[in-house]
């Protein structure tokens, strides 16, 4: 298992965070996603080799939000 952290932009409320969490959890290989408003980020627990960062970014964008660079 590994944990990936994605810094997010555009979240304004718990509903936004829930939408991103649901979208991330549809990505094959993702076991759990925890999305917080403060700090604005997603912590994704996934199978080590199964999930590409690009797929997670696509899931966030599908939910209508953005991943910001480090």
PDB file of N, CA and C in Angstrom:
ATOM      1  N   UNK A   1       0.843  -1.187   0.000  1.00  0.00           N
ATOM      2  CA  UNK A   1       0.000   0.000   0.000  1.00  0.00           C
ATOM      3  C   UNK A   1       0.879   1.238   0.000  1.00  0.00           C
ATOM      4  N   UNK A   2       0.372   2.282  -0.611  1.00  0.00           N
ATOM      5  CA  UNK A   2       1.059   3.565  -0.555  1.00  0.00           C
ATOM      6  C   UNK A   2       0.034   4.669  -0.402  1.00  0.00           C
ATOM      7  N   UNK A   3       0.504   5.799   0.083  1.00  0.00           N
ATOM      8  CA  UNK A   3      -0.350   6.968   0.259  1.00  0.00           C
ATOM      9  C   UNK A   3       0.157   8.077  -0.646  1.00  0.00           C
ATOM     10  N   UNK A   4      -0.745   8.648  -1.425  1.00  0.00           N
ATOM     11  CA  UNK A   4      -0.419   9.790  -2.278  1.00  0.00           C
ATOM     12  C   UNK A   4      -1.174  11.001  -1.771  1.00  0.00           C
ATOM     13  N   UNK A   5      -0.511  12.141  -1.781  1.00  0.00           N
ATOM     14  CA  UNK A   5      -1.135  13.398  -1.370  1.00  0.00           C
ATOM     15  C   UNK A   5      -1.286  14.278  -2.604  1.00  0.00           C
ATOM     16  N   UNK A   6      -2.495  14.767  -2.818  1.00  0.00           N
ATOM     17  CA  UNK A   6      -2.765  15.689  -3.917  1.00  0.00           C
ATOM     18  C   UNK A   6      -3.217  17.021  -3.328  1.00  0.00           C
ATOM     19  N   UNK A   7      -2.533  18.095  -3.673  1.00  0.00           N
ATOM     20  CA  UNK A   7      -2.979  19.426  -3.255  1.00  0.00           C
ATOM     21  C   UNK A   7      -4.071  19.868  -4.221  1.00  0.00           C
ATOM     22  N   UNK A   8      -5.154  20.377  -3.664  1.00  0.00           N
ATOM     23  CA  UNK A   8      -6.334  20.693  -4.459  1.00  0.00           C
ATOM     24  C   UNK A   8      -6.621  22.185  -4.496  1.00  0.00           C
ATOM     25  N   UNK A   9      -7.427  22.593  -5.470  1.00  0.00           N
ATOM     26  CA  UNK A   9      -7.905  23.973  -5.572  1.00  0.00           C
ATOM     27  C   UNK A   9      -9.387  23.943  -5.906  1.00  0.00           C
ATOM     28  N   UNK A  10     -10.101  24.932  -5.400  1.00  0.00           N
ATOM     29  CA  UNK A  10     -11.499  25.111  -5.764  1.00  0.00           C
ATOM     30  C   UNK A  10     -12.524  24.544  -4.803  1.00  0.00           C
ATOM     31  N   UNK A  11     -12.083  23.823  -3.778  1.00  0.00           N
ATOM     32  CA  UNK A  11     -13.044  23.271  -2.818  1.00  0.00           C
ATOM     33  C   UNK A  11     -13.554  24.379  -1.904  1.00  0.00           C
ATOM     34  N   UNK A  12     -14.859  24.436  -1.724  1.00  0.00           N
ATOM     35  CA  UNK A  12     -15.439  25.485  -0.889  1.00  0.00           C
ATOM     36  C   UNK A  12     -16.221  24.955   0.307  1.00  0.00           C
ATOM     37  N   UNK A  13     -16.613  23.667   0.243  1.00  0.00           N
ATOM     38  CA  UNK A  13     -17.456  23.139   1.312  1.00  0.00           C
ATOM     39  C   UNK A  13     -17.299  21.628   1.423  1.00  0.00           C
ATOM     40  N   UNK A  14     -17.973  21.054   2.394  1.00  0.00           N
ATOM     41  CA  UNK A  14     -17.916  19.609   2.594  1.00  0.00           C
ATOM     42  C   UNK A  14     -18.502  18.844   1.408  1.00  0.00           C
ATOM     43  N   UNK A  15     -19.492  19.438   0.749  1.00  0.00           N
ATOM     44  CA  UNK A  15     -20.078  18.803  -0.437  1.00  0.00           C
ATOM     45  C   UNK A  15     -19.021  18.672  -1.538  1.00  0.00           C
ATOM     46  N   UNK A  16     -18.214  19.705  -1.730  1.00  0.00           N
ATOM     47  CA  UNK A  16     -17.127  19.665  -2.720  1.00  0.00           C
ATOM     48  C   UNK A  16     -16.150  18.548  -2.377  1.00  0.00           C
ATOM     49  N   UNK A  17     -15.762  18.474  -1.115  1.00  0.00           N
ATOM     50  CA  UNK A  17     -14.814  17.451  -0.661  1.00  0.00           C
ATOM     51  C   UNK A  17     -15.385  16.054  -0.884  1.00  0.00           C
ATOM     52  N   UNK A  18     -16.665  15.884  -0.615  1.00  0.00           N
ATOM     53  CA  UNK A  18     -17.303  14.577  -0.800  1.00  0.00           C
ATOM     54  C   UNK A  18     -17.344  14.191  -2.278  1.00  0.00           C
ATOM     55  N   UNK A  19     -17.581  15.156  -3.150  1.00  0.00           N
ATOM     56  CA  UNK A  19     -17.615  14.879  -4.588  1.00  0.00           C
ATOM     57  C   UNK A  19     -16.242  14.408  -5.073  1.00  0.00           C
ATOM     58  N   UNK A  20     -15.181  15.041  -4.603  1.00  0.00           N
ATOM     59  CA  UNK A  20     -13.832  14.639  -4.984  1.00  0.00           C
ATOM     60  C   UNK A  20     -13.521  13.247  -4.422  1.00  0.00           C
ATOM     61  N   UNK A  21     -13.892  13.016  -3.175  1.00  0.00           N
ATOM     62  CA  UNK A  21     -13.651  11.698  -2.555  1.00  0.00           C
ATOM     63  C   UNK A  21     -14.337  10.592  -3.348  1.00  0.00           C
ATOM     64  N   UNK A  22     -15.594  10.796  -3.681  1.00  0.00           N
ATOM     65  CA  UNK A  22     -16.333   9.779  -4.437  1.00  0.00           C
ATOM     66  C   UNK A  22     -15.681   9.518  -5.795  1.00  0.00           C
ATOM     67  N   UNK A  23     -15.263  10.573  -6.456  1.00  0.00           N
ATOM     68  CA  UNK A  23     -14.635  10.426  -7.761  1.00  0.00           C
ATOM     69  C   UNK A  23     -13.303   9.680  -7.650  1.00  0.00           C
ATOM     70  N   UNK A  24     -12.488  10.019  -6.658  1.00  0.00           N
ATOM     71  CA  UNK A  24     -11.210   9.334  -6.465  1.00  0.00           C
ATOM     72  C   UNK A  24     -11.411   7.854  -6.160  1.00  0.00           C
ATOM     73  N   UNK A  25     -12.427   7.540  -5.392  1.00  0.00           N
ATOM     74  CA  UNK A  25     -12.650   6.151  -4.996  1.00  0.00           C
ATOM     75  C   UNK A  25     -13.187   5.287  -6.133  1.00  0.00           C
ATOM     76  N   UNK A  26     -13.519   5.882  -7.279  1.00  0.00           N
ATOM     77  CA  UNK A  26     -13.912   5.090  -8.448  1.00  0.00           C
ATOM     78  C   UNK A  26     -12.709   4.619  -9.248  1.00  0.00           C
ATOM     79  N   UNK A  27     -11.534   5.177  -8.977  1.00  0.00           N
ATOM     80  CA  UNK A  27     -10.321   4.793  -9.709  1.00  0.00           C
ATOM     81  C   UNK A  27      -9.901   3.389  -9.259  1.00  0.00           C
ATOM     82  N   UNK A  28      -9.733   2.460 -10.196  1.00  0.00           N
ATOM     83  CA  UNK A  28      -9.304   1.113  -9.823  1.00  0.00           C
ATOM     84  C   UNK A  28      -7.975   1.145  -9.054  1.00  0.00           C
ATOM     85  N   UNK A  29      -7.928   0.413  -7.945  1.00  0.00           N
ATOM     86  CA  UNK A  29      -6.731   0.359  -7.120  1.00  0.00           C
ATOM     87  C   UNK A  29      -6.763   1.274  -5.917  1.00  0.00           C
ATOM     88  N   UNK A  30      -7.703   2.234  -5.910  1.00  0.00           N
ATOM     89  CA  UNK A  30      -7.825   3.140  -4.766  1.00  0.00           C
ATOM     90  C   UNK A  30      -8.652   2.448  -3.685  1.00  0.00           C
ATOM     91  N   UNK A  31      -8.084   2.348  -2.495  1.00  0.00           N
ATOM     92  CA  UNK A  31      -8.792   1.735  -1.374  1.00  0.00           C
ATOM     93  C   UNK A  31      -9.589   2.753  -0.582  1.00  0.00           C
ATOM     94  N   UNK A  32      -9.021   3.959  -0.436  1.00  0.00           N
ATOM     95  CA  UNK A  32      -9.690   4.997   0.355  1.00  0.00           C
ATOM     96  C   UNK A  32      -9.139   6.353  -0.027  1.00  0.00           C
ATOM     97  N   UNK A  33     -10.007   7.347  -0.021  1.00  0.00           N
ATOM     98  CA  UNK A  33      -9.592   8.733  -0.237  1.00  0.00           C
ATOM     99  C   UNK A  33     -10.170   9.574   0.893  1.00  0.00           C
ATOM    100  N   UNK A  34      -9.324  10.426   1.460  1.00  0.00           N
ATOM    101  CA  UNK A  34      -9.763  11.359   2.494  1.00  0.00           C
ATOM    102  C   UNK A  34      -9.473  12.757   1.972  1.00  0.00           C
ATOM    103  N   UNK A  35     -10.516  13.558   1.825  1.00  0.00           N
ATOM    104  CA  UNK A  35     -10.371  14.905   1.280  1.00  0.00           C
ATOM    105  C   UNK A  35     -10.696  15.908   2.376  1.00  0.00           C
ATOM    106  N   UNK A  36      -9.792  16.856   2.575  1.00  0.00           N
ATOM    107  CA  UNK A  36      -9.976  17.863   3.621  1.00  0.00           C
ATOM    108  C   UNK A  36      -9.949  19.269   3.024  1.00  0.00           C
ATOM    109  N   UNK A  37     -10.645  20.166   3.708  1.00  0.00           N
ATOM    110  CA  UNK A  37     -10.664  21.562   3.275  1.00  0.00           C
ATOM    111  C   UNK A  37      -9.487  22.350   3.848  1.00  0.00           C
ATOM    112  N   UNK A  38      -9.008  21.949   5.012  1.00  0.00           N
ATOM    113  CA  UNK A  38      -7.895  22.645   5.661  1.00  0.00           C
ATOM    114  C   UNK A  38      -6.925  21.629   6.223  1.00  0.00           C
ATOM    115  N   UNK A  39      -5.828  21.340   5.581  1.00  0.00           N
ATOM    116  CA  UNK A  39      -5.403  21.903   4.292  1.00  0.00           C
ATOM    117  C   UNK A  39      -6.229  21.307   3.141  1.00  0.00           C
ATOM    118  N   UNK A  40      -6.284  22.036   2.047  1.00  0.00           N
ATOM    119  CA  UNK A  40      -7.076  21.608   0.901  1.00  0.00           C
ATOM    120  C   UNK A  40      -6.284  20.540   0.145  1.00  0.00           C
ATOM    121  N   UNK A  41      -6.590  19.272   0.477  1.00  0.00           N
ATOM    122  CA  UNK A  41      -5.840  18.177  -0.125  1.00  0.00           C
ATOM    123  C   UNK A  41      -6.637  16.886  -0.095  1.00  0.00           C
ATOM    124  N   UNK A  42      -6.146  15.941  -0.884  1.00  0.00           N
ATOM    125  CA  UNK A  42      -6.685  14.575  -0.872  1.00  0.00           C
ATOM    126  C   UNK A  42      -5.548  13.643  -0.482  1.00  0.00           C
ATOM    127  N   UNK A  43      -5.825  12.776   0.469  1.00  0.00           N
ATOM    128  CA  UNK A  43      -4.880  11.726   0.867  1.00  0.00           C
ATOM    129  C   UNK A  43      -5.479  10.427   0.356  1.00  0.00           C
ATOM    130  N   UNK A  44      -4.768   9.787  -0.580  1.00  0.00           N
ATOM    131  CA  UNK A  44      -5.297   8.614  -1.272  1.00  0.00           C
ATOM    132  C   UNK A  44      -4.476   7.386  -0.889  1.00  0.00           C
ATOM    133  N   UNK A  45      -5.142   6.400  -0.324  1.00  0.00           N
ATOM    134  CA  UNK A  45      -4.516   5.128   0.029  1.00  0.00           C
ATOM    135  C   UNK A  45      -4.811   4.154  -1.105  1.00  0.00           C
ATOM    136  N   UNK A  46      -3.743   3.610  -1.703  1.00  0.00           N
ATOM    137  CA  UNK A  46      -3.942   2.757  -2.873  1.00  0.00           C
ATOM    138  C   UNK A  46      -2.913   1.638  -2.930  1.00  0.00           C
ATOM    139  N   UNK A  47      -3.184   0.689  -3.818  1.00  0.00           N
ATOM    140  CA  UNK A  47      -2.249  -0.390  -4.065  1.00  0.00           C
ATOM    141  C   UNK A  47      -1.011   0.200  -4.727  1.00  0.00           C
ATOM    142  N   UNK A  48       0.148  -0.225  -4.294  1.00  0.00           N
ATOM    143  CA  UNK A  48       1.407   0.400  -4.686  1.00  0.00           C
ATOM    144  C   UNK A  48       1.587   0.572  -6.198  1.00  0.00           C
ATOM    145  N   UNK A  49       1.388  -0.448  -6.984  1.00  0.00           N
ATOM    146  CA  UNK A  49       1.685  -0.355  -8.411  1.00  0.00           C
ATOM    147  C   UNK A  49       0.447  -0.123  -9.267  1.00  0.00           C
ATOM    148  N   UNK A  50      -0.719  -0.145  -8.671  1.00  0.00           N
ATOM    149  CA  UNK A  50      -1.946  -0.165  -9.458  1.00  0.00           C
ATOM    150  C   UNK A  50      -2.442   1.206  -9.899  1.00  0.00           C
ATOM    151  N   UNK A  51      -2.018   2.281  -9.250  1.00  0.00           N
ATOM    152  CA  UNK A  51      -2.626   3.583  -9.513  1.00  0.00           C
ATOM    153  C   UNK A  51      -1.582   4.582 -10.001  1.00  0.00           C
ATOM    154  N   UNK A  52      -1.885   5.198 -11.124  1.00  0.00           N
ATOM    155  CA  UNK A  52      -1.020   6.255 -11.653  1.00  0.00           C
ATOM    156  C   UNK A  52      -1.554   7.604 -11.185  1.00  0.00           C
ATOM    157  N   UNK A  53      -0.650   8.514 -10.853  1.00  0.00           N
ATOM    158  CA  UNK A  53      -1.030   9.855 -10.398  1.00  0.00           C
ATOM    159  C   UNK A  53      -1.937  10.546 -11.419  1.00  0.00           C
ATOM    160  N   UNK A  54      -1.674  10.317 -12.702  1.00  0.00           N
ATOM    161  CA  UNK A  54      -2.469  10.961 -13.755  1.00  0.00           C
ATOM    162  C   UNK A  54      -3.938  10.545 -13.687  1.00  0.00           C
ATOM    163  N   UNK A  55      -4.191   9.282 -13.325  1.00  0.00           N
ATOM    164  CA  UNK A  55      -5.578   8.805 -13.194  1.00  0.00           C
ATOM    165  C   UNK A  55      -6.282   9.502 -12.031  1.00  0.00           C
ATOM    166  N   UNK A  56      -5.533   9.759 -10.956  1.00  0.00           N
ATOM    167  CA  UNK A  56      -6.112  10.472  -9.815  1.00  0.00           C
ATOM    168  C   UNK A  56      -6.425  11.916 -10.193  1.00  0.00           C
ATOM    169  N   UNK A  57      -5.530  12.539 -10.922  1.00  0.00           N
ATOM    170  CA  UNK A  57      -5.758  13.921 -11.371  1.00  0.00           C
ATOM    171  C   UNK A  57      -6.990  13.978 -12.267  1.00  0.00           C
ATOM    172  N   UNK A  58      -7.130  13.018 -13.172  1.00  0.00           N
ATOM    173  CA  UNK A  58      -8.320  12.959 -14.034  1.00  0.00           C
ATOM    174  C   UNK A  58      -9.593  12.830 -13.213  1.00  0.00           C
ATOM    175  N   UNK A  59      -9.555  12.034 -12.157  1.00  0.00           N
ATOM    176  CA  UNK A  59     -10.742  11.855 -11.305  1.00  0.00           C
ATOM    177  C   UNK A  59     -11.112  13.159 -10.611  1.00  0.00           C
ATOM    178  N   UNK A  60     -10.113  13.901 -10.132  1.00  0.00           N
ATOM    179  CA  UNK A  60     -10.379  15.192  -9.486  1.00  0.00           C
ATOM    180  C   UNK A  60     -10.984  16.155 -10.501  1.00  0.00           C
ATOM    181  N   UNK A  61     -10.425  16.191 -11.701  1.00  0.00           N
ATOM    182  CA  UNK A  61     -10.937  17.092 -12.740  1.00  0.00           C
ATOM    183  C   UNK A  61     -12.331  16.692 -13.187  1.00  0.00           C
ATOM    184  N   UNK A  62     -12.631  15.414 -13.219  1.00  0.00           N
ATOM    185  CA  UNK A  62     -13.973  14.933 -13.561  1.00  0.00           C
ATOM    186  C   UNK A  62     -14.992  15.440 -12.546  1.00  0.00           C
ATOM    187  N   UNK A  63     -14.574  15.553 -11.288  1.00  0.00           N
ATOM    188  CA  UNK A  63     -15.468  16.063 -10.241  1.00  0.00           C
ATOM    189  C   UNK A  63     -15.609  17.584 -10.328  1.00  0.00           C
ATOM    190  N   UNK A  64     -14.798  18.241 -11.183  1.00  0.00           N
ATOM    191  CA  UNK A  64     -14.923  19.691 -11.378  1.00  0.00           C
ATOM    192  C   UNK A  64     -13.922  20.518 -10.582  1.00  0.00           C
ATOM    193  N   UNK A  65     -12.842  19.907 -10.136  1.00  0.00           N
ATOM    194  CA  UNK A  65     -11.851  20.609  -9.308  1.00  0.00           C
ATOM    195  C   UNK A  65     -10.463  20.421  -9.900  1.00  0.00           C
ATOM    196  N   UNK A  66      -9.456  21.039  -9.285  1.00  0.00           N
ATOM    197  CA  UNK A  66      -8.114  21.003  -9.835  1.00  0.00           C
ATOM    198  C   UNK A  66      -7.106  20.493  -8.817  1.00  0.00           C
ATOM    199  N   UNK A  67      -6.065  19.855  -9.352  1.00  0.00           N
ATOM    200  CA  UNK A  67      -4.893  19.494  -8.558  1.00  0.00           C
ATOM    201  C   UNK A  67      -3.850  20.557  -8.863  1.00  0.00           C
ATOM    202  N   UNK A  68      -3.245  21.115  -7.826  1.00  0.00           N
ATOM    203  CA  UNK A  68      -2.211  22.131  -8.017  1.00  0.00           C
ATOM    204  C   UNK A  68      -0.841  21.495  -7.832  1.00  0.00           C
ATOM    205  N   UNK A  69       0.151  22.015  -8.525  1.00  0.00           N
ATOM    206  CA  UNK A  69       1.506  21.488  -8.429  1.00  0.00           C
ATOM    207  C   UNK A  69       2.111  21.830  -7.086  1.00  0.00           C
ATOM    208  N   UNK A  70       3.078  21.002  -6.679  1.00  0.00           N
ATOM    209  CA  UNK A  70       3.788  21.232  -5.430  1.00  0.00           C
ATOM    210  C   UNK A  70       4.650  22.463  -5.512  1.00  0.00           C
TER     211      UNK A  70
END
